[in-house]
C-alpha cells in the first residue's frame, strides 16, 4: 500500500474520517492523510513510483 503523499492515477471515492461523508478524489490529487490513503487499496489507483537510481558508493565506482 502506498504511503501518504502519493498521487492518484484514477478517481476514487473515500469516506472522510472526520465528517463521515463520501468524497470524490480526482486523478492527480496528492493524498497526504494516512486515514484516507489506507482506504485506497487498488494498486492501479495510484501513479507508479518513479524508478530509483541505485546509489553509487566509492567501492562500486573504483
N, C-alpha and C. Protein backbone atom coordinates (compact mmCIF):
# COMPACT_ATOMS: atom_id res chain seq x y z
N UNK A 1 0.85 -1.18 0.00
CA UNK A 1 0.00 0.00 0.00
C UNK A 1 0.90 1.24 0.00
N UNK A 2 0.55 2.22 -0.81
CA UNK A 2 1.35 3.44 -0.84
C UNK A 2 1.30 4.20 0.47
N UNK A 3 2.36 4.90 0.75
CA UNK A 3 2.39 5.75 1.93
C UNK A 3 1.73 7.07 1.59
N UNK A 4 1.23 7.79 2.57
CA UNK A 4 0.64 9.10 2.29
C UNK A 4 1.63 9.99 1.56
N UNK A 5 1.11 10.82 0.70
CA UNK A 5 1.95 11.70 -0.09
C UNK A 5 2.05 11.24 -1.53
N UNK A 6 1.39 10.14 -1.87
CA UNK A 6 1.38 9.65 -3.24
C UNK A 6 0.24 10.29 -4.03
N UNK A 7 0.37 10.24 -5.34
CA UNK A 7 -0.59 10.87 -6.23
C UNK A 7 -1.51 9.83 -6.85
N UNK A 8 -2.77 10.21 -6.99
CA UNK A 8 -3.76 9.31 -7.57
C UNK A 8 -3.66 9.28 -9.10
N UNK A 9 -3.85 8.10 -9.67
CA UNK A 9 -3.88 7.94 -11.11
C UNK A 9 -5.30 7.88 -11.63
N UNK A 10 -6.25 7.58 -10.74
CA UNK A 10 -7.65 7.50 -11.15
C UNK A 10 -8.54 8.08 -10.05
N UNK A 11 -9.78 8.36 -10.42
CA UNK A 11 -10.73 8.91 -9.45
C UNK A 11 -11.16 7.80 -8.48
N UNK A 12 -11.30 8.15 -7.22
CA UNK A 12 -11.73 7.20 -6.20
C UNK A 12 -12.70 7.88 -5.23
N UNK A 13 -13.60 7.10 -4.70
CA UNK A 13 -14.48 7.56 -3.63
C UNK A 13 -13.93 7.04 -2.32
N UNK A 14 -13.86 7.91 -1.32
CA UNK A 14 -13.42 7.52 0.03
C UNK A 14 -14.36 8.18 1.03
N UNK A 15 -14.28 7.73 2.27
CA UNK A 15 -15.06 8.33 3.35
C UNK A 15 -14.15 9.22 4.17
N UNK A 16 -14.51 10.49 4.30
CA UNK A 16 -13.74 11.41 5.12
C UNK A 16 -13.82 10.92 6.57
N UNK A 17 -12.68 10.65 7.21
CA UNK A 17 -12.71 10.10 8.57
C UNK A 17 -13.26 11.06 9.62
N UNK A 18 -13.24 12.35 9.33
CA UNK A 18 -13.74 13.32 10.32
C UNK A 18 -15.24 13.57 10.16
N UNK A 19 -15.71 13.71 8.91
CA UNK A 19 -17.11 14.06 8.69
C UNK A 19 -17.98 12.86 8.32
N UNK A 20 -17.33 11.74 7.96
CA UNK A 20 -18.01 10.52 7.54
C UNK A 20 -18.80 10.71 6.25
N UNK A 21 -18.46 11.72 5.48
CA UNK A 21 -19.08 11.97 4.18
C UNK A 21 -18.26 11.28 3.09
N UNK A 22 -18.94 10.88 2.02
CA UNK A 22 -18.26 10.31 0.87
C UNK A 22 -17.65 11.45 0.06
N UNK A 23 -16.38 11.29 -0.30
CA UNK A 23 -15.63 12.32 -1.02
C UNK A 23 -15.07 11.70 -2.29
N UNK A 24 -15.15 12.44 -3.39
CA UNK A 24 -14.55 12.00 -4.65
C UNK A 24 -13.19 12.69 -4.80
N UNK A 25 -12.15 11.87 -4.91
CA UNK A 25 -10.81 12.39 -5.16
C UNK A 25 -10.50 12.17 -6.64
N UNK A 26 -9.94 13.18 -7.27
CA UNK A 26 -9.70 13.17 -8.71
C UNK A 26 -8.27 12.72 -9.04
N UNK A 27 -8.06 12.21 -10.27
CA UNK A 27 -6.70 11.88 -10.69
C UNK A 27 -5.79 13.10 -10.58
N UNK A 28 -4.58 12.87 -10.13
CA UNK A 28 -3.61 13.95 -9.97
C UNK A 28 -3.59 14.53 -8.57
N UNK A 29 -4.61 14.22 -7.75
CA UNK A 29 -4.61 14.72 -6.37
C UNK A 29 -3.60 13.94 -5.54
N UNK A 30 -2.94 14.65 -4.65
CA UNK A 30 -1.99 14.02 -3.74
C UNK A 30 -2.71 13.72 -2.44
N UNK A 31 -2.54 12.49 -1.95
CA UNK A 31 -3.18 12.05 -0.72
C UNK A 31 -2.14 12.08 0.40
N UNK A 32 -2.36 12.96 1.38
CA UNK A 32 -1.42 13.12 2.49
C UNK A 32 -1.95 12.55 3.80
N UNK A 33 -3.24 12.30 3.88
CA UNK A 33 -3.86 11.81 5.12
C UNK A 33 -3.77 10.28 5.15
N UNK A 34 -3.09 9.70 6.12
CA UNK A 34 -2.97 8.24 6.19
C UNK A 34 -4.32 7.53 6.29
N UNK A 35 -5.30 8.14 6.96
CA UNK A 35 -6.62 7.53 7.10
C UNK A 35 -7.33 7.44 5.76
N UNK A 36 -7.05 8.37 4.87
CA UNK A 36 -7.63 8.33 3.52
C UNK A 36 -6.83 7.35 2.67
N UNK A 37 -5.52 7.40 2.73
CA UNK A 37 -4.67 6.54 1.91
C UNK A 37 -4.94 5.07 2.16
N UNK A 38 -5.21 4.69 3.39
CA UNK A 38 -5.44 3.27 3.69
C UNK A 38 -6.76 2.77 3.12
N UNK A 39 -7.67 3.67 2.77
CA UNK A 39 -8.93 3.27 2.15
C UNK A 39 -8.76 2.93 0.67
N UNK A 40 -7.71 3.40 0.07
CA UNK A 40 -7.49 3.21 -1.37
C UNK A 40 -6.59 1.99 -1.54
N UNK A 41 -7.23 0.85 -1.75
CA UNK A 41 -6.49 -0.41 -1.74
C UNK A 41 -6.14 -0.95 -3.12
N UNK A 42 -6.76 -0.43 -4.17
CA UNK A 42 -6.45 -0.94 -5.50
C UNK A 42 -5.15 -0.32 -5.99
N UNK A 43 -4.16 -1.14 -6.32
CA UNK A 43 -2.84 -0.59 -6.71
C UNK A 43 -2.88 0.29 -7.96
N UNK A 44 -3.84 0.06 -8.87
CA UNK A 44 -3.92 0.87 -10.09
C UNK A 44 -4.49 2.26 -9.83
N UNK A 45 -4.98 2.52 -8.63
CA UNK A 45 -5.50 3.85 -8.30
C UNK A 45 -4.36 4.85 -8.09
N UNK A 46 -3.16 4.35 -7.85
CA UNK A 46 -2.01 5.20 -7.57
C UNK A 46 -1.11 5.33 -8.79
N UNK A 47 -0.48 6.49 -8.94
CA UNK A 47 0.53 6.63 -10.00
C UNK A 47 1.73 5.79 -9.60
N UNK A 48 2.40 5.21 -10.58
CA UNK A 48 3.58 4.40 -10.24
C UNK A 48 4.68 5.27 -9.67
N UNK A 49 5.43 4.67 -8.76
CA UNK A 49 6.57 5.38 -8.18
C UNK A 49 7.67 5.45 -9.23
N UNK A 50 8.38 6.56 -9.29
CA UNK A 50 9.48 6.64 -10.26
C UNK A 50 10.57 5.64 -9.90
N UNK A 51 11.22 5.12 -10.92
CA UNK A 51 12.32 4.19 -10.66
C UNK A 51 13.45 4.94 -9.98
N UNK A 52 13.95 4.35 -8.94
CA UNK A 52 15.03 4.99 -8.20
C UNK A 52 16.37 4.51 -8.76
N UNK A 53 17.28 5.44 -8.90
CA UNK A 53 18.61 5.10 -9.35
C UNK A 53 19.40 4.56 -8.17
N UNK A 54 20.16 3.50 -8.38
CA UNK A 54 20.95 2.97 -7.26
C UNK A 54 22.02 3.97 -6.85
N UNK A 55 22.27 4.00 -5.56
CA UNK A 55 23.32 4.89 -5.05
C UNK A 55 24.67 4.29 -5.34
N UNK A 56 25.55 5.12 -5.81
CA UNK A 56 26.90 4.65 -6.08
C UNK A 56 27.76 4.94 -4.87
N UNK A 57 28.48 3.94 -4.45
CA UNK A 57 29.40 4.11 -3.33
C UNK A 57 30.82 4.16 -3.89
N UNK A 58 31.72 4.58 -3.07
CA UNK A 58 33.12 4.65 -3.52
C UNK A 58 33.60 3.26 -3.96
N UNK A 59 33.23 2.25 -3.23
CA UNK A 59 33.69 0.89 -3.57
C UNK A 59 33.14 0.46 -4.91
N UNK A 60 31.95 0.87 -5.26
CA UNK A 60 31.34 0.44 -6.51
C UNK A 60 31.89 1.22 -7.72
N UNK A 61 32.44 2.39 -7.50
CA UNK A 61 32.90 3.22 -8.63
C UNK A 61 34.37 3.06 -8.91
N UNK A 62 35.10 2.35 -8.09
CA UNK A 62 36.55 2.21 -8.33
C UNK A 62 36.88 0.95 -9.03
